[in-house]
Protein backbone atom coordinates (compact mmCIF):
# COMPACT_ATOMS: atom_id res chain seq x y z
CA MET A 1 -59.44 -17.98 -48.64
CA TYR A 2 -62.24 -20.23 -50.64
CA ARG A 3 -60.66 -20.57 -53.42
CA PHE A 4 -57.21 -21.52 -51.86
CA VAL A 5 -59.00 -24.27 -50.07
CA LEU A 6 -61.19 -25.31 -53.09
CA SER A 7 -58.04 -25.51 -55.47
CA LEU A 8 -55.74 -27.27 -52.95
CA CYS A 9 -58.50 -29.95 -52.03
CA ILE A 10 -58.88 -30.38 -56.02
CA ALA A 11 -55.22 -31.18 -56.27
CA LEU A 12 -54.72 -33.55 -53.22
CA ALA A 13 -57.62 -35.52 -54.56
CA THR A 14 -55.72 -36.78 -58.27
CA ALA A 15 -53.36 -38.75 -56.10
CA LEU A 16 -54.53 -42.17 -53.74
CA PRO A 17 -52.90 -42.64 -50.82
CA ALA A 18 -51.02 -45.43 -49.82
CA ALA A 19 -51.21 -47.34 -46.17
CA ALA A 20 -49.12 -45.57 -43.30
CA ARG A 21 -46.87 -46.81 -40.76
CA VAL A 22 -46.11 -45.39 -37.19
CA VAL A 23 -43.42 -43.34 -37.50
CA PRO A 24 -40.16 -42.20 -35.58
CA PHE A 25 -40.30 -38.54 -34.78
CA PRO A 26 -36.91 -37.09 -36.03
CA ALA A 27 -33.80 -37.35 -34.28
CA GLY A 28 -33.97 -33.24 -33.47
CA PHE A 29 -37.20 -33.94 -30.98
CA ARG A 30 -36.06 -33.92 -27.24
CA THR A 31 -39.18 -35.99 -24.97
CA GLN A 32 -39.71 -35.35 -21.79
CA ASN A 33 -42.05 -35.48 -18.86
CA ILE A 34 -44.05 -32.40 -17.43
CA ALA A 35 -45.65 -31.99 -14.34
CA THR A 36 -48.86 -29.88 -14.93
CA ASN A 37 -52.05 -29.36 -13.08
CA GLY A 38 -51.63 -32.29 -10.82
CA THR A 39 -50.73 -35.03 -12.93
CA THR A 40 -47.55 -35.49 -15.98
CA LEU A 41 -47.98 -35.57 -19.48
CA TYR A 42 -45.19 -37.11 -21.55
CA VAL A 43 -44.20 -34.51 -24.43
CA ARG A 44 -42.40 -34.30 -27.59
CA VAL A 45 -40.51 -30.90 -28.08
CA GLY A 46 -38.48 -30.45 -31.37
CA GLY A 47 -37.85 -27.37 -33.98
CA LYS A 48 -37.07 -23.35 -33.87
CA GLY A 49 -39.89 -20.93 -34.61
CA PRO A 50 -43.05 -19.74 -33.52
CA ALA A 51 -44.92 -22.92 -31.17
CA VAL A 52 -47.75 -25.42 -32.74
CA VAL A 53 -49.23 -27.40 -30.35
CA LEU A 54 -50.27 -30.91 -31.91
CA LEU A 55 -53.35 -33.01 -29.76
CA HIS A 56 -54.00 -36.37 -30.62
CA GLY A 57 -57.60 -38.22 -30.19
CA PHE A 58 -58.57 -41.98 -29.29
CA GLY A 59 -57.27 -44.22 -30.59
CA ASP A 60 -54.30 -42.40 -31.18
CA THR A 61 -51.20 -41.24 -29.30
CA GLY A 62 -49.32 -38.33 -29.82
CA ASP A 63 -47.45 -40.52 -31.96
CA MET A 64 -49.85 -39.90 -35.14
CA TRP A 65 -48.48 -37.03 -35.39
CA ALA A 66 -44.84 -37.85 -36.41
CA PRO A 67 -44.91 -37.45 -40.22
CA LEU A 68 -46.56 -33.49 -39.64
CA ALA A 69 -44.16 -32.74 -37.03
CA ALA A 70 -41.20 -33.65 -39.20
CA LYS A 71 -42.22 -30.94 -41.12
CA LEU A 72 -43.51 -27.98 -39.28
CA MET A 73 -40.28 -28.84 -37.02
CA ALA A 74 -38.20 -26.46 -39.73
CA ASP A 75 -39.89 -23.40 -39.23
CA HIS A 76 -41.84 -23.98 -35.90
CA THR A 77 -41.02 -25.11 -31.95
CA VAL A 78 -43.22 -28.05 -32.10
CA ILE A 79 -45.11 -29.53 -29.53
CA VAL A 80 -46.84 -33.02 -28.90
CA PRO A 81 -48.24 -34.12 -25.70
CA ASP A 82 -49.83 -37.50 -24.94
CA LEU A 83 -53.23 -36.45 -23.74
CA ARG A 84 -53.59 -37.18 -19.65
CA GLY A 85 -54.52 -40.76 -19.28
CA MET A 86 -53.26 -41.69 -22.66
CA GLY A 87 -49.54 -42.93 -24.51
CA LEU A 88 -47.06 -42.15 -22.05
CA SER A 89 -48.38 -40.06 -19.79
CA ALA A 90 -49.92 -40.45 -16.61
CA HIS A 91 -53.07 -41.90 -15.66
CA PRO A 92 -54.96 -39.90 -13.01
CA ASP A 93 -57.97 -41.53 -11.88
CA THR A 94 -60.18 -37.84 -12.43
CA GLY A 95 -59.72 -34.63 -14.48
CA TYR A 96 -60.89 -36.15 -17.98
CA THR A 97 -63.13 -33.38 -18.70
CA LYS A 98 -61.72 -30.89 -21.33
CA LYS A 99 -61.77 -27.62 -19.62
CA ASN A 100 -59.56 -29.48 -17.13
CA GLU A 101 -57.26 -31.22 -19.92
CA ALA A 102 -57.09 -28.11 -21.58
CA VAL A 103 -55.57 -26.63 -18.08
CA ASP A 104 -52.89 -29.33 -18.63
CA ILE A 105 -51.96 -28.36 -21.91
CA ALA A 106 -51.52 -24.34 -20.92
CA GLY A 107 -49.57 -26.01 -18.02
CA VAL A 108 -47.38 -27.74 -20.88
CA MET A 109 -47.24 -24.43 -22.11
CA ASP A 110 -46.03 -22.70 -19.65
CA ALA A 111 -43.47 -25.12 -18.31
CA LEU A 112 -41.80 -24.84 -21.50
CA LYS A 113 -42.04 -20.55 -21.61
CA ILE A 114 -44.46 -20.43 -24.61
CA ALA A 115 -46.44 -17.88 -24.47
CA LYS A 116 -48.80 -17.97 -27.84
CA ALA A 117 -49.02 -20.73 -30.05
CA ALA A 118 -51.04 -22.04 -33.21
CA LEU A 119 -53.02 -25.45 -32.92
CA VAL A 120 -53.94 -28.94 -34.57
CA THR A 121 -55.95 -31.28 -32.86
CA HIS A 122 -57.86 -34.43 -33.84
CA ASP A 123 -60.79 -36.09 -32.59
CA ILE A 124 -61.16 -35.57 -28.83
CA GLY A 125 -57.71 -33.41 -29.34
CA ASN A 126 -60.64 -31.12 -30.88
CA MET A 127 -62.79 -31.13 -27.76
CA VAL A 128 -59.22 -30.49 -25.56
CA GLY A 129 -58.31 -27.78 -28.04
CA TYR A 130 -61.93 -25.74 -28.02
CA ALA A 131 -61.31 -25.57 -24.29
CA LEU A 132 -58.00 -24.86 -24.42
CA ALA A 133 -58.58 -21.65 -27.00
CA ALA A 134 -62.00 -20.31 -25.04
CA GLN A 135 -59.88 -20.62 -21.56
CA TYR A 136 -56.91 -18.97 -22.80
CA ARG A 137 -58.26 -16.64 -25.87
CA THR A 138 -55.06 -14.68 -25.87
CA ARG A 139 -52.59 -17.73 -25.92
CA ILE A 140 -53.61 -19.43 -29.35
CA THR A 141 -53.15 -17.81 -32.65
CA LYS A 142 -55.20 -19.67 -35.20
CA TRP A 143 -56.54 -23.46 -34.89
CA VAL A 144 -56.86 -26.73 -37.21
CA ALA A 145 -60.12 -28.99 -35.84
CA ILE A 146 -60.20 -32.31 -37.84
CA ASP A 147 -62.68 -34.70 -37.84
CA ALA A 148 -64.79 -34.51 -34.76
CA PRO A 149 -67.51 -32.33 -33.28
CA LEU A 150 -67.78 -30.64 -29.79
CA PRO A 151 -69.79 -31.86 -26.55
CA GLY A 152 -73.05 -30.01 -26.07
CA VAL A 153 -72.94 -27.32 -28.92
CA GLY A 154 -73.75 -27.38 -32.64
CA ASN A 155 -75.53 -30.52 -34.08
CA TRP A 156 -74.54 -32.89 -30.85
CA ALA A 157 -77.70 -33.91 -30.43
CA ALA A 158 -77.44 -35.77 -33.58
CA GLN A 159 -74.64 -36.88 -33.37
CA LEU A 160 -75.55 -39.11 -29.83
CA SER A 161 -78.13 -41.13 -32.10
CA ASN A 162 -75.78 -42.19 -34.99
CA PRO A 163 -75.35 -45.55 -34.05
CA LYS A 164 -71.52 -45.88 -34.86
CA THR A 165 -71.24 -43.54 -32.07
CA TRP A 166 -72.59 -46.18 -28.90
CA HIS A 167 -69.51 -46.26 -27.34
CA PHE A 168 -69.96 -42.97 -25.70
CA ASN A 169 -72.27 -44.25 -23.34
CA PHE A 170 -70.32 -47.73 -23.38
CA HIS A 171 -68.34 -47.55 -19.73
CA GLY A 172 -68.40 -48.82 -16.65
CA PRO A 173 -66.35 -51.44 -14.27
CA ASP A 174 -68.48 -54.49 -16.04
CA GLU A 175 -67.59 -52.66 -19.53
CA GLU A 176 -63.67 -52.64 -18.58
CA ARG A 177 -64.02 -56.39 -17.76
CA LEU A 178 -65.66 -57.24 -20.98
CA VAL A 179 -62.49 -55.40 -23.06
CA ALA A 180 -59.54 -56.58 -20.55
CA GLY A 181 -57.20 -58.55 -22.67
CA ARG A 182 -59.32 -57.83 -26.13
CA GLU A 183 -57.90 -54.32 -26.32
CA ARG A 184 -57.29 -55.08 -30.06
CA ILE A 185 -60.69 -56.29 -30.96
CA TYR A 186 -61.86 -53.15 -29.10
CA LEU A 187 -59.77 -50.96 -31.02
CA ASP A 188 -60.10 -52.77 -34.52
CA ARG A 189 -63.70 -51.96 -34.84
CA PHE A 190 -63.44 -48.12 -34.84
CA TRP A 191 -60.59 -48.57 -37.30
CA ASN A 192 -62.54 -50.95 -39.50
CA GLU A 193 -65.57 -48.60 -39.31
CA LEU A 194 -64.80 -45.27 -38.89
CA SER A 195 -62.34 -45.55 -42.28
CA ASP A 196 -62.50 -45.19 -45.80
CA ASP A 197 -60.56 -48.42 -46.29
CA PRO A 198 -59.56 -50.37 -43.42
CA ARG A 199 -56.53 -51.92 -45.58
CA ARG A 200 -54.84 -48.44 -45.06
CA ILE A 201 -54.77 -48.79 -41.30
CA ASP A 202 -51.97 -51.77 -41.45
CA GLU A 203 -51.03 -54.04 -38.20
CA GLN A 204 -48.17 -52.47 -37.51
CA THR A 205 -50.22 -49.13 -36.45
CA ARG A 206 -52.84 -51.42 -34.95
CA ALA A 207 -50.32 -53.24 -32.95
CA HIS A 208 -48.47 -50.20 -32.05
CA TYR A 209 -51.21 -48.66 -30.66
CA THR A 210 -53.07 -51.60 -29.12
CA THR A 211 -49.86 -51.58 -27.01
CA PHE A 212 -50.72 -48.31 -25.02
CA TYR A 213 -54.66 -49.12 -24.46
CA ALA A 214 -53.68 -52.52 -23.26
CA MET A 215 -51.68 -50.49 -20.31
CA PRO A 216 -52.90 -51.01 -16.96
CA HIS A 217 -55.80 -48.41 -16.31
CA ALA A 218 -55.57 -47.55 -19.89
CA ILE A 219 -59.24 -48.37 -21.43
CA HIS A 220 -60.64 -47.08 -18.00
CA ASP A 221 -58.79 -43.88 -18.58
CA ALA A 222 -60.05 -43.51 -22.30
CA PHE A 223 -63.64 -44.54 -21.40
CA GLU A 224 -62.90 -41.24 -19.27
CA GLN A 225 -62.77 -39.32 -21.88
CA PHE A 226 -66.56 -40.41 -22.81
CA VAL A 227 -67.92 -40.24 -19.14
CA ALA A 228 -67.28 -36.66 -19.18
CA PHE A 229 -68.74 -35.93 -21.99
CA PRO A 230 -71.97 -34.37 -20.25
CA GLN A 231 -70.21 -31.88 -18.37
CA ASP A 232 -68.21 -30.94 -21.23
CA GLY A 233 -71.20 -30.17 -23.27
CA ILE A 234 -71.92 -28.03 -20.07
CA ASP A 235 -68.59 -26.29 -20.11
CA ASN A 236 -68.88 -25.44 -23.64
CA ARG A 237 -72.39 -23.42 -23.41
CA ALA A 238 -70.56 -21.33 -20.71
CA PHE A 239 -67.70 -20.97 -23.39
CA LEU A 240 -69.81 -19.79 -26.19
CA ALA A 241 -71.94 -17.54 -23.93
CA ALA A 242 -68.88 -15.52 -23.59
CA GLY A 243 -68.69 -15.47 -27.34
CA LYS A 244 -67.01 -16.83 -30.56
CA LEU A 245 -63.63 -17.74 -31.17
CA ALA A 246 -62.12 -15.14 -33.37
CA ILE A 247 -59.22 -16.63 -34.44
CA PRO A 248 -58.56 -18.11 -38.10
CA VAL A 249 -59.82 -21.89 -37.55
CA TYR A 250 -59.46 -24.22 -40.06
CA ALA A 251 -62.01 -27.15 -40.01
CA ILE A 252 -60.60 -30.42 -42.17
CA GLY A 253 -62.87 -33.51 -42.45
CA GLY A 254 -61.97 -36.75 -43.49
CA GLU A 255 -64.26 -37.42 -47.25
CA LYS A 256 -65.65 -40.30 -45.75
CA SER A 257 -66.45 -39.23 -41.89
CA TYR A 258 -67.16 -35.33 -41.32
CA GLY A 259 -65.99 -34.01 -44.78
CA ALA A 260 -67.15 -30.47 -45.15
CA GLY A 261 -69.67 -30.47 -42.31
CA MET A 262 -66.59 -29.87 -40.08
CA ALA A 263 -66.73 -26.37 -40.94
CA THR A 264 -70.47 -26.06 -39.92
CA GLU A 265 -69.60 -27.60 -36.70
CA LEU A 266 -67.08 -25.30 -35.89
CA ARG A 267 -69.05 -22.27 -37.16
CA PHE A 268 -71.11 -22.84 -34.25
CA VAL A 269 -68.52 -21.78 -31.75
CA ALA A 270 -65.98 -19.58 -34.53
CA SER A 271 -66.40 -16.64 -36.19
CA ASP A 272 -64.02 -17.34 -38.89
CA VAL A 273 -63.87 -20.18 -40.02
CA THR A 274 -62.58 -22.47 -43.14
CA GLY A 275 -63.26 -25.88 -44.62
CA GLY A 276 -61.11 -28.16 -46.20
CA VAL A 277 -61.31 -31.96 -47.04
CA VAL A 278 -59.27 -34.90 -46.54
CA PRO A 279 -59.21 -36.87 -49.73
CA HIS A 280 -59.65 -40.77 -49.92
CA SER A 281 -60.25 -40.70 -45.63
CA GLY A 282 -62.58 -41.47 -43.23
CA HIS A 283 -61.92 -40.43 -39.56
CA TRP A 284 -58.25 -41.61 -39.19
CA ILE A 285 -56.62 -38.65 -41.17
CA MET A 286 -53.13 -39.45 -40.41
CA GLU A 287 -53.37 -43.50 -40.71
CA GLU A 288 -55.55 -43.16 -44.00
CA ASN A 289 -54.40 -40.20 -46.13
CA PRO A 290 -51.00 -38.26 -44.26
CA ASP A 291 -49.93 -36.65 -46.80
CA ALA A 292 -52.60 -35.09 -47.66
CA THR A 293 -53.60 -34.23 -44.41
CA VAL A 294 -50.14 -33.01 -44.01
CA LYS A 295 -50.22 -30.60 -47.14
CA LEU A 296 -53.64 -29.34 -45.87
CA VAL A 297 -52.70 -28.16 -42.29
CA LEU A 298 -49.00 -26.50 -43.54
CA ALA A 299 -50.74 -24.94 -46.46
CA PHE A 300 -53.29 -23.15 -43.72
CA LEU A 301 -50.25 -22.98 -40.99
CA SER A 302 -47.81 -21.05 -43.47
CA LYS A 303 -50.62 -18.01 -43.55
């Protein structure tokens, strides 16, 4: 497995990525609103074959996964929800612990009659993904976790002291008033500072996602994802006390972000972890280098 990952990363590193635009999901995908766990999630479903669930993070919606979904649908049933309080999903006032959001996703799987699925996640999606895999250990078959650590475990304390994570404690009514009407300024900070080259996140992409985060209550709900981190840490330590995940895990970091350190983070919670790196990318892997990201994910899921 190590030689496979190393050779694939070297091959990918030889090609410089172009800027990516938000592209629509293929015509074969349908969308539906699924009632689950006291809320409603907007879900895209397409393809046929073994199921795979794709979970986005902050600054994105499920739209980020369209290029990957287009490739996966040939031999997978692809399920792409918007997380609670994000994108076109409902905006409830509460329920933003990742343990609870994982129950949202399990409810989506139930509604679609999906007993088992592989999992591909990014950013906050990683946190929901871990809570899903830890609570439903027989339902998640393998997991690709991309470029974000898990609250309360591993090197989380060091993450909290990183100046780039000041937004973890930026929430409350006054903070919401400061951002209201200035959502683009707020989001630009993340796209610019956490990328390898901000030019790869083009104007169309920035405008697209800003539209969703400027919707009523959307920034409040995004902040609630961060408010929940202390409780998420408590929940994660309880999951870990029940044992590490035994499923195969592929921990991918952006070259100019978590890089190979993602594998280190995931080994705190899983026993079968392989690492990979998306070259020429910071945190925003599907915006900065979607071709390389898709190749890495497809290679792992096909094994």
